[in-house]
């Protein structure tokens, strides 16, 4: 969850300002640009500086995860043990 407004860009390089309280999902720790990460926000795929997320965001474990996240976690722990 963002603690302050933060800038991101979409695939067309349109600049967006995500508001305080925005819930992001990190989808990749790399992007086509150096120091950028890919995130999802309101069903939009965006890129932002990883340092912005570290400085302006906080982890939010109270947000519900999609069912496939739980399935992949259970499957990997089942096969490992």
C-alpha atoms as a PDB file:
ATOM      1  CA  UNK A   1       0.000   0.000   0.000  1.00  0.00           C
ATOM      2  CA  UNK A   2       1.383   3.410  -0.912  1.00  0.00           C
ATOM      3  CA  UNK A   3       2.027   5.936   1.861  1.00  0.00           C
ATOM      4  CA  UNK A   4       2.414   8.868  -0.549  1.00  0.00           C
ATOM      5  CA  UNK A   5       1.548   9.600  -4.206  1.00  0.00           C
ATOM      6  CA  UNK A   6       3.907   7.718  -6.515  1.00  0.00           C
ATOM      7  CA  UNK A   7       4.643   7.890 -10.239  1.00  0.00           C
ATOM      8  CA  UNK A   8       4.446   4.919 -12.624  1.00  0.00           C
ATOM      9  CA  UNK A   9       4.250   4.506 -16.403  1.00  0.00           C
ATOM     10  CA  UNK A  10       2.181   2.203 -18.578  1.00  0.00           C
ATOM     11  CA  UNK A  11       3.209   0.386 -21.769  1.00  0.00           C
ATOM     12  CA  UNK A  12       2.565   3.525 -23.850  1.00  0.00           C
ATOM     13  CA  UNK A  13       4.826   5.507 -21.462  1.00  0.00           C
ATOM     14  CA  UNK A  14       1.854   7.431 -20.114  1.00  0.00           C
ATOM     15  CA  UNK A  15       2.736   8.791 -16.685  1.00  0.00           C
ATOM     16  CA  UNK A  16       0.299   7.967 -13.901  1.00  0.00           C
ATOM     17  CA  UNK A  17       0.275   9.160 -10.322  1.00  0.00           C
ATOM     18  CA  UNK A  18      -0.933   6.443  -7.995  1.00  0.00           C
ATOM     19  CA  UNK A  19      -2.668   7.857  -4.918  1.00  0.00           C
ATOM     20  CA  UNK A  20      -2.025   7.310  -1.221  1.00  0.00           C
ATOM     21  CA  UNK A  21      -3.550   3.971  -0.230  1.00  0.00           C
ATOM     22  CA  UNK A  22      -3.170   2.404  -3.680  1.00  0.00           C
ATOM     23  CA  UNK A  23      -2.743  -1.368  -3.440  1.00  0.00           C
ATOM     24  CA  UNK A  24      -0.072  -2.707  -5.818  1.00  0.00           C
ATOM     25  CA  UNK A  25       0.949  -6.216  -6.730  1.00  0.00           C
ATOM     26  CA  UNK A  26       4.572  -6.681  -7.782  1.00  0.00           C
ATOM     27  CA  UNK A  27       4.496  -8.923 -10.859  1.00  0.00           C
ATOM     28  CA  UNK A  28       8.199  -8.859 -11.715  1.00  0.00           C
ATOM     29  CA  UNK A  29      11.296  -7.499 -10.051  1.00  0.00           C
ATOM     30  CA  UNK A  30      12.638  -6.522 -13.471  1.00  0.00           C
ATOM     31  CA  UNK A  31      11.355  -4.435 -16.343  1.00  0.00           C
ATOM     32  CA  UNK A  32      12.588  -3.403 -19.772  1.00  0.00           C
ATOM     33  CA  UNK A  33      14.259  -0.438 -18.058  1.00  0.00           C
ATOM     34  CA  UNK A  34      17.006  -0.714 -15.448  1.00  0.00           C
ATOM     35  CA  UNK A  35      15.990  -0.145 -11.808  1.00  0.00           C
ATOM     36  CA  UNK A  36      12.317  -0.524 -12.754  1.00  0.00           C
ATOM     37  CA  UNK A  37       9.875  -3.161 -11.518  1.00  0.00           C
ATOM     38  CA  UNK A  38       6.539  -4.243 -12.952  1.00  0.00           C
ATOM     39  CA  UNK A  39       3.399  -3.860 -10.865  1.00  0.00           C
ATOM     40  CA  UNK A  40      -0.339  -4.275 -11.290  1.00  0.00           C
ATOM     41  CA  UNK A  41      -2.652  -1.519 -10.082  1.00  0.00           C
ATOM     42  CA  UNK A  42      -6.394  -1.487 -10.782  1.00  0.00           C
ATOM     43  CA  UNK A  43      -5.906  -4.200 -13.429  1.00  0.00           C
ATOM     44  CA  UNK A  44      -3.258  -2.116 -15.243  1.00  0.00           C
ATOM     45  CA  UNK A  45       0.278  -3.338 -15.879  1.00  0.00           C
ATOM     46  CA  UNK A  46       2.706  -0.578 -14.933  1.00  0.00           C
ATOM     47  CA  UNK A  47       6.411   0.010 -14.395  1.00  0.00           C
ATOM     48  CA  UNK A  48       7.871   2.033 -11.564  1.00  0.00           C
ATOM     49  CA  UNK A  49      11.193   2.554  -9.843  1.00  0.00           C
ATOM     50  CA  UNK A  50      11.830  -0.114  -7.256  1.00  0.00           C
ATOM     51  CA  UNK A  51      13.281   2.536  -4.940  1.00  0.00           C
ATOM     52  CA  UNK A  52       9.961   4.435  -5.055  1.00  0.00           C
ATOM     53  CA  UNK A  53       8.111   1.355  -3.867  1.00  0.00           C
ATOM     54  CA  UNK A  54      10.620   0.751  -1.060  1.00  0.00           C
ATOM     55  CA  UNK A  55      10.509   4.400   0.083  1.00  0.00           C
ATOM     56  CA  UNK A  56       6.785   5.076  -0.372  1.00  0.00           C
ATOM     57  CA  UNK A  57       5.130   1.732   0.152  1.00  0.00           C
ATOM     58  CA  UNK A  58       4.446  -0.714   2.918  1.00  0.00           C
ATOM     59  CA  UNK A  59       3.539  -4.381   2.782  1.00  0.00           C
ATOM     60  CA  UNK A  60      -0.135  -5.083   3.231  1.00  0.00           C
ATOM     61  CA  UNK A  61      -0.919  -8.658   4.201  1.00  0.00           C
ATOM     62  CA  UNK A  62      -4.591  -7.849   4.846  1.00  0.00           C
ATOM     63  CA  UNK A  63      -5.425  -7.707   1.145  1.00  0.00           C
ATOM     64  CA  UNK A  64      -7.066 -10.837  -0.197  1.00  0.00           C
ATOM     65  CA  UNK A  65      -4.909 -12.784  -2.629  1.00  0.00           C
ATOM     66  CA  UNK A  66      -6.378 -14.435  -5.720  1.00  0.00           C
ATOM     67  CA  UNK A  67      -7.024 -18.192  -5.295  1.00  0.00           C
ATOM     68  CA  UNK A  68      -4.211 -19.179  -7.692  1.00  0.00           C
ATOM     69  CA  UNK A  69      -1.640 -17.713  -5.256  1.00  0.00           C
ATOM     70  CA  UNK A  70      -2.772 -20.121  -2.566  1.00  0.00           C
ATOM     71  CA  UNK A  71      -2.857 -23.065  -4.962  1.00  0.00           C
ATOM     72  CA  UNK A  72       0.715 -22.548  -6.173  1.00  0.00           C
ATOM     73  CA  UNK A  73       1.968 -22.190  -2.589  1.00  0.00           C
ATOM     74  CA  UNK A  74       0.258 -25.381  -1.468  1.00  0.00           C
ATOM     75  CA  UNK A  75       1.430 -27.324  -4.502  1.00  0.00           C
ATOM     76  CA  UNK A  76       5.075 -26.313  -4.082  1.00  0.00           C
ATOM     77  CA  UNK A  77       5.094 -27.149  -0.360  1.00  0.00           C
ATOM     78  CA  UNK A  78       3.384 -30.495  -1.003  1.00  0.00           C
ATOM     79  CA  UNK A  79       5.912 -31.549  -3.625  1.00  0.00           C
ATOM     80  CA  UNK A  80       8.852 -30.414  -1.480  1.00  0.00           C
ATOM     81  CA  UNK A  81       7.887 -32.470   1.582  1.00  0.00           C
END
